[in-house]
Amino acid sequence: QVQLVESGGGLVQPGGSLRLSCEASGSIFSINAMGWYRQAPGKQRELVATISSSSRINYADSVKGRFTISRGTAKNTVYLQMNSLKPEDTAVYYCYALYNNFKSGWGQGTQVTVSS
């Protein structure tokens, strides 16, 4: 079982920045990929960004050029730097991990609100 703990959400004005962090712990011998998804009220959960163990990165078109995903040196931590935030980025952001080759887990989610 993996535990994923997110931090860094909050309220920010349009055009502002936030940095989300997620740390994985538990019965992990390998992390294959980590990433971020988000779910806005009344909408389905959608991919934001993912990064594989080989550092292959994938972004949703809506965040390209504004968000940057990265992994910590310990490889069990993932970050999401969010710049030029827009009201439509408002959502609960969930950390995701694919580990031990075929298992997956989710964090509890952290709220990001972009509003003036």
N, C-alpha and C. Protein backbone atom coordinates (compact mmCIF):
# COMPACT_ATOMS: atom_id res chain seq x y z
N GLN A 1 0.85 -1.19 0.00
CA GLN A 1 0.00 0.00 0.00
C GLN A 1 0.90 1.25 0.00
N VAL A 2 0.47 2.28 -0.75
CA VAL A 2 1.22 3.52 -0.82
C VAL A 2 0.40 4.62 -0.17
N GLN A 3 1.07 5.52 0.49
CA GLN A 3 0.44 6.72 1.01
C GLN A 3 1.00 7.92 0.24
N LEU A 4 0.11 8.77 -0.24
CA LEU A 4 0.49 9.96 -0.98
C LEU A 4 -0.05 11.17 -0.23
N VAL A 5 0.86 12.05 0.17
CA VAL A 5 0.47 13.23 0.94
C VAL A 5 0.79 14.48 0.13
N GLU A 6 -0.27 15.23 -0.18
CA GLU A 6 -0.12 16.46 -0.96
C GLU A 6 -0.07 17.67 -0.03
N SER A 7 0.56 18.73 -0.53
CA SER A 7 0.56 20.01 0.18
C SER A 7 0.75 21.12 -0.84
N GLY A 8 0.41 22.34 -0.43
CA GLY A 8 0.70 23.49 -1.26
C GLY A 8 -0.49 24.16 -1.91
N GLY A 9 -1.68 23.61 -1.74
CA GLY A 9 -2.84 24.25 -2.33
C GLY A 9 -3.21 25.52 -1.59
N GLY A 10 -4.19 26.24 -2.12
CA GLY A 10 -4.64 27.46 -1.47
C GLY A 10 -5.38 28.36 -2.41
N LEU A 11 -5.54 29.61 -1.96
CA LEU A 11 -6.24 30.64 -2.73
C LEU A 11 -5.21 31.58 -3.34
N VAL A 12 -5.35 31.85 -4.62
CA VAL A 12 -4.42 32.73 -5.31
C VAL A 12 -5.19 33.57 -6.32
N GLN A 13 -4.70 34.77 -6.59
CA GLN A 13 -5.34 35.63 -7.58
C GLN A 13 -4.97 35.20 -8.99
N PRO A 14 -5.81 35.52 -9.96
CA PRO A 14 -5.46 35.21 -11.36
C PRO A 14 -4.10 35.81 -11.71
N GLY A 15 -3.30 35.02 -12.42
CA GLY A 15 -1.94 35.42 -12.76
C GLY A 15 -0.91 35.02 -11.74
N GLY A 16 -1.35 34.54 -10.59
CA GLY A 16 -0.43 34.17 -9.54
C GLY A 16 0.13 32.77 -9.72
N SER A 17 0.91 32.34 -8.72
CA SER A 17 1.59 31.05 -8.77
C SER A 17 1.37 30.26 -7.49
N LEU A 18 1.42 28.95 -7.63
CA LEU A 18 1.40 28.04 -6.49
C LEU A 18 2.30 26.86 -6.83
N ARG A 19 2.82 26.22 -5.79
CA ARG A 19 3.64 25.01 -5.98
C ARG A 19 3.06 23.90 -5.12
N LEU A 20 2.65 22.82 -5.79
CA LEU A 20 2.13 21.65 -5.10
C LEU A 20 3.25 20.63 -4.90
N SER A 21 3.18 19.94 -3.77
CA SER A 21 4.15 18.88 -3.48
C SER A 21 3.41 17.61 -3.11
N CYS A 22 4.01 16.48 -3.41
CA CYS A 22 3.43 15.18 -3.06
C CYS A 22 4.56 14.22 -2.72
N GLU A 23 4.45 13.59 -1.56
CA GLU A 23 5.44 12.61 -1.14
C GLU A 23 4.80 11.25 -0.99
N ALA A 24 5.43 10.25 -1.59
CA ALA A 24 4.94 8.88 -1.50
C ALA A 24 5.72 8.10 -0.46
N SER A 25 5.00 7.28 0.29
CA SER A 25 5.64 6.42 1.27
C SER A 25 4.86 5.12 1.37
N GLY A 26 5.47 4.11 2.00
CA GLY A 26 4.80 2.83 2.16
C GLY A 26 5.62 1.70 1.54
N SER A 27 4.93 0.67 1.16
CA SER A 27 5.57 -0.55 0.64
C SER A 27 5.91 -0.37 -0.84
N ILE A 28 6.93 0.44 -1.08
CA ILE A 28 7.31 0.78 -2.45
C ILE A 28 8.73 0.27 -2.71
N PHE A 29 8.89 -0.53 -3.78
CA PHE A 29 10.25 -0.85 -4.20
C PHE A 29 10.60 -0.18 -5.52
N SER A 30 9.59 0.32 -6.21
CA SER A 30 9.87 1.10 -7.42
C SER A 30 8.68 1.99 -7.73
N ILE A 31 8.97 3.20 -8.14
CA ILE A 31 7.92 4.12 -8.62
C ILE A 31 8.08 4.25 -10.11
N ASN A 32 7.06 3.88 -10.84
CA ASN A 32 7.11 3.89 -12.29
C ASN A 32 6.74 5.25 -12.88
N ALA A 33 5.82 5.93 -12.21
CA ALA A 33 5.40 7.26 -12.66
C ALA A 33 4.66 7.95 -11.53
N MET A 34 4.72 9.26 -11.55
CA MET A 34 3.91 10.06 -10.63
C MET A 34 3.30 11.20 -11.42
N GLY A 35 2.26 11.78 -10.87
CA GLY A 35 1.64 12.86 -11.61
C GLY A 35 0.54 13.55 -10.83
N TRP A 36 -0.14 14.44 -11.53
CA TRP A 36 -1.22 15.23 -10.95
C TRP A 36 -2.44 15.17 -11.85
N TYR A 37 -3.58 15.01 -11.23
CA TYR A 37 -4.87 15.11 -11.88
C TYR A 37 -5.67 16.17 -11.12
N ARG A 38 -6.74 16.65 -11.73
CA ARG A 38 -7.59 17.62 -11.05
C ARG A 38 -9.05 17.36 -11.38
N GLN A 39 -9.89 17.80 -10.46
CA GLN A 39 -11.33 17.66 -10.66
C GLN A 39 -12.03 18.93 -10.20
N ALA A 40 -12.66 19.58 -11.14
CA ALA A 40 -13.43 20.79 -10.84
C ALA A 40 -14.87 20.39 -10.52
N PRO A 41 -15.60 21.25 -9.82
CA PRO A 41 -17.00 20.92 -9.47
C PRO A 41 -17.83 20.61 -10.71
N GLY A 42 -18.51 19.47 -10.68
CA GLY A 42 -19.39 19.09 -11.78
C GLY A 42 -18.67 18.53 -13.00
N LYS A 43 -17.36 18.34 -12.89
CA LYS A 43 -16.60 17.83 -14.03
C LYS A 43 -15.87 16.54 -13.66
N GLN A 44 -15.45 15.81 -14.67
CA GLN A 44 -14.69 14.59 -14.45
C GLN A 44 -13.24 14.91 -14.09
N ARG A 45 -12.62 13.97 -13.39
CA ARG A 45 -11.21 14.12 -13.07
C ARG A 45 -10.40 14.06 -14.38
N GLU A 46 -9.43 14.97 -14.51
CA GLU A 46 -8.65 15.03 -15.74
C GLU A 46 -7.15 15.09 -15.43
N LEU A 47 -6.38 14.60 -16.38
CA LEU A 47 -4.93 14.63 -16.25
C LEU A 47 -4.42 16.06 -16.34
N VAL A 48 -3.45 16.37 -15.47
CA VAL A 48 -2.77 17.66 -15.55
C VAL A 48 -1.37 17.45 -16.10
N ALA A 49 -0.60 16.58 -15.42
CA ALA A 49 0.78 16.31 -15.85
C ALA A 49 1.25 15.02 -15.21
N THR A 50 2.10 14.29 -15.93
CA THR A 50 2.71 13.09 -15.39
C THR A 50 4.19 13.07 -15.73
N ILE A 51 4.97 12.35 -14.92
CA ILE A 51 6.40 12.18 -15.17
C ILE A 51 6.76 10.74 -14.85
N SER A 52 7.44 10.08 -15.77
CA SER A 52 7.79 8.68 -15.59
C SER A 52 9.15 8.55 -14.89
N SER A 53 9.50 7.31 -14.56
CA SER A 53 10.79 7.05 -13.92
C SER A 53 11.95 7.39 -14.84
N SER A 54 11.69 7.43 -16.15
CA SER A 54 12.72 7.82 -17.12
C SER A 54 12.62 9.29 -17.47
N SER A 55 11.82 10.03 -16.67
CA SER A 55 11.64 11.48 -16.83
C SER A 55 10.87 11.89 -18.08
N ARG A 56 10.12 10.95 -18.65
CA ARG A 56 9.22 11.33 -19.75
C ARG A 56 8.05 12.10 -19.15
N ILE A 57 7.76 13.26 -19.71
CA ILE A 57 6.75 14.16 -19.17
C ILE A 57 5.59 14.34 -20.14
N ASN A 58 4.40 14.41 -19.60
CA ASN A 58 3.20 14.63 -20.39
C ASN A 58 2.36 15.70 -19.71
N TYR A 59 1.91 16.68 -20.47
CA TYR A 59 1.06 17.75 -19.95
C TYR A 59 -0.27 17.78 -20.68
N ALA A 60 -1.30 18.18 -19.98
CA ALA A 60 -2.56 18.52 -20.64
C ALA A 60 -2.33 19.79 -21.46
N ASP A 61 -3.01 19.89 -22.60
CA ASP A 61 -2.83 21.06 -23.46
C ASP A 61 -3.17 22.35 -22.73
N SER A 62 -4.13 22.28 -21.82
CA SER A 62 -4.60 23.48 -21.14
C SER A 62 -3.57 24.07 -20.17
N VAL A 63 -2.53 23.30 -19.82
CA VAL A 63 -1.55 23.80 -18.86
C VAL A 63 -0.15 23.94 -19.46
N LYS A 64 0.03 23.52 -20.69
CA LYS A 64 1.35 23.60 -21.32
C LYS A 64 1.84 25.05 -21.35
N GLY A 65 3.11 25.21 -20.96
CA GLY A 65 3.70 26.55 -20.93
C GLY A 65 3.45 27.29 -19.64
N ARG A 66 2.55 26.77 -18.79
CA ARG A 66 2.25 27.45 -17.53
C ARG A 66 2.64 26.60 -16.32
N PHE A 67 2.47 25.28 -16.44
CA PHE A 67 2.75 24.37 -15.33
C PHE A 67 4.02 23.57 -15.64
N THR A 68 4.76 23.24 -14.59
CA THR A 68 5.97 22.43 -14.72
C THR A 68 5.96 21.34 -13.66
N ILE A 69 6.09 20.09 -14.11
CA ILE A 69 6.15 18.96 -13.19
C ILE A 69 7.62 18.55 -13.04
N SER A 70 7.98 18.14 -11.82
CA SER A 70 9.34 17.69 -11.58
C SER A 70 9.35 16.69 -10.44
N ARG A 71 10.42 15.93 -10.34
CA ARG A 71 10.56 14.97 -9.26
C ARG A 71 11.73 15.36 -8.36
N GLY A 72 11.62 15.03 -7.09
CA GLY A 72 12.69 15.29 -6.16
C GLY A 72 13.83 14.31 -6.35
N THR A 73 14.95 14.61 -5.73
CA THR A 73 16.12 13.75 -5.85
C THR A 73 15.88 12.37 -5.27
N ALA A 74 15.01 12.26 -4.31
CA ALA A 74 14.70 10.98 -3.70
C ALA A 74 13.75 10.15 -4.55
N LYS A 75 13.22 10.72 -5.62
CA LYS A 75 12.35 10.05 -6.59
C LYS A 75 10.99 9.64 -6.06
N ASN A 76 10.74 9.84 -4.76
CA ASN A 76 9.41 9.54 -4.25
C ASN A 76 8.60 10.81 -4.00
N THR A 77 9.08 11.91 -4.52
CA THR A 77 8.41 13.19 -4.38
C THR A 77 8.20 13.79 -5.75
N VAL A 78 7.03 14.40 -5.94
CA VAL A 78 6.73 15.07 -7.20
C VAL A 78 6.20 16.46 -6.89
N TYR A 79 6.56 17.40 -7.73
CA TYR A 79 6.14 18.79 -7.57
C TYR A 79 5.38 19.25 -8.81
N LEU A 80 4.52 20.23 -8.60
CA LEU A 80 3.84 20.88 -9.72
C LEU A 80 3.93 22.38 -9.49
N GLN A 81 4.74 23.04 -10.28
CA GLN A 81 4.84 24.49 -10.25
C GLN A 81 3.80 25.05 -11.20
N MET A 82 2.89 25.84 -10.66
CA MET A 82 1.79 26.39 -11.45
C MET A 82 1.94 27.89 -11.52
N ASN A 83 2.15 28.40 -12.72
CA ASN A 83 2.29 29.84 -12.95
C ASN A 83 1.15 30.34 -13.83
N SER A 84 0.98 31.64 -13.84
CA SER A 84 -0.06 32.27 -14.67
C SER A 84 -1.41 31.59 -14.46
N LEU A 85 -1.77 31.39 -13.23
CA LEU A 85 -3.00 30.67 -12.92
C LEU A 85 -4.23 31.42 -13.38
N LYS A 86 -5.21 30.64 -13.82
CA LYS A 86 -6.47 31.18 -14.33
C LYS A 86 -7.62 30.67 -13.47
N PRO A 87 -8.74 31.38 -13.46
CA PRO A 87 -9.90 30.88 -12.69
C PRO A 87 -10.29 29.46 -13.09
N GLU A 88 -10.12 29.10 -14.34
CA GLU A 88 -10.49 27.75 -14.79
C GLU A 88 -9.54 26.68 -14.28
N ASP A 89 -8.46 27.06 -13.62
CA ASP A 89 -7.58 26.09 -12.98
C ASP A 89 -8.10 25.69 -11.60
N THR A 90 -9.13 26.35 -11.14
CA THR A 90 -9.71 26.03 -9.84
C THR A 90 -10.23 24.59 -9.83
N ALA A 91 -9.76 23.81 -8.87
CA ALA A 91 -10.12 22.40 -8.79
C ALA A 91 -9.46 21.79 -7.56
N VAL A 92 -9.86 20.57 -7.26
CA VAL A 92 -9.10 19.76 -6.30
C VAL A 92 -8.03 19.01 -7.10
N TYR A 93 -6.79 19.15 -6.67
CA TYR A 93 -5.67 18.52 -7.36
C TYR A 93 -5.25 17.26 -6.59
N TYR A 94 -5.16 16.15 -7.33
CA TYR A 94 -4.84 14.87 -6.74
C TYR A 94 -3.48 14.37 -7.24
N CYS A 95 -2.68 13.91 -6.32
CA CYS A 95 -1.42 13.26 -6.66
C CYS A 95 -1.70 11.80 -7.01
N TYR A 96 -0.96 11.29 -7.98
CA TYR A 96 -1.14 9.93 -8.46
C TYR A 96 0.22 9.26 -8.56
N ALA A 97 0.26 7.98 -8.24
CA ALA A 97 1.50 7.23 -8.38
C ALA A 97 1.23 5.85 -8.96
N LEU A 98 2.06 5.46 -9.88
CA LEU A 98 2.07 4.10 -10.41
C LEU A 98 3.35 3.46 -9.86
N TYR A 99 3.20 2.38 -9.11
CA TYR A 99 4.36 1.85 -8.41
C TYR A 99 4.36 0.34 -8.41
N ASN A 100 5.53 -0.22 -8.09
CA ASN A 100 5.70 -1.67 -8.05
C ASN A 100 5.16 -2.33 -9.32
N ASN A 101 5.33 -1.64 -10.44
CA ASN A 101 5.04 -2.10 -11.81
C ASN A 101 3.58 -2.15 -12.19
N PHE A 102 2.66 -2.37 -11.26
CA PHE A 102 1.27 -2.46 -11.69
C PHE A 102 0.28 -1.91 -10.68
N LYS A 103 0.76 -1.37 -9.57
CA LYS A 103 -0.16 -0.84 -8.56
C LYS A 103 -0.28 0.67 -8.72
N SER A 104 -1.39 1.23 -8.30
CA SER A 104 -1.61 2.67 -8.39
C SER A 104 -2.26 3.18 -7.12
N GLY A 105 -2.03 4.44 -6.85
CA GLY A 105 -2.62 5.04 -5.66
C GLY A 105 -2.88 6.52 -5.88
N TRP A 106 -3.76 7.06 -5.04
CA TRP A 106 -4.15 8.47 -5.12
C TRP A 106 -3.98 9.13 -3.75
N GLY A 107 -3.67 10.42 -3.79
CA GLY A 107 -3.68 11.20 -2.58
C GLY A 107 -5.09 11.66 -2.25
N GLN A 108 -5.21 12.37 -1.13
CA GLN A 108 -6.52 12.82 -0.68
C GLN A 108 -6.99 14.07 -1.43
N GLY A 109 -6.09 14.75 -2.06
CA GLY A 109 -6.45 15.94 -2.81
C GLY A 109 -6.16 17.23 -2.05
N THR A 110 -5.82 18.27 -2.79
CA THR A 110 -5.59 19.59 -2.21
C THR A 110 -6.32 20.62 -3.08
N GLN A 111 -7.02 21.53 -2.42
CA GLN A 111 -7.84 22.51 -3.14
C GLN A 111 -6.98 23.65 -3.65
N VAL A 112 -7.17 23.98 -4.92
CA VAL A 112 -6.58 25.16 -5.53
C VAL A 112 -7.72 26.05 -6.03
N THR A 113 -7.75 27.27 -5.54
CA THR A 113 -8.78 28.22 -5.93
C THR A 113 -8.11 29.46 -6.50
N VAL A 114 -8.50 29.81 -7.72
CA VAL A 114 -7.96 30.99 -8.39
C VAL A 114 -9.09 31.99 -8.53
N SER A 115 -8.99 33.06 -7.78
CA SER A 115 -10.08 34.03 -7.74
C SER A 115 -9.56 35.38 -7.26
N SER A 116 -10.18 36.44 -7.77
CA SER A 116 -9.83 37.77 -7.31
C SER A 116 -10.76 38.22 -6.19
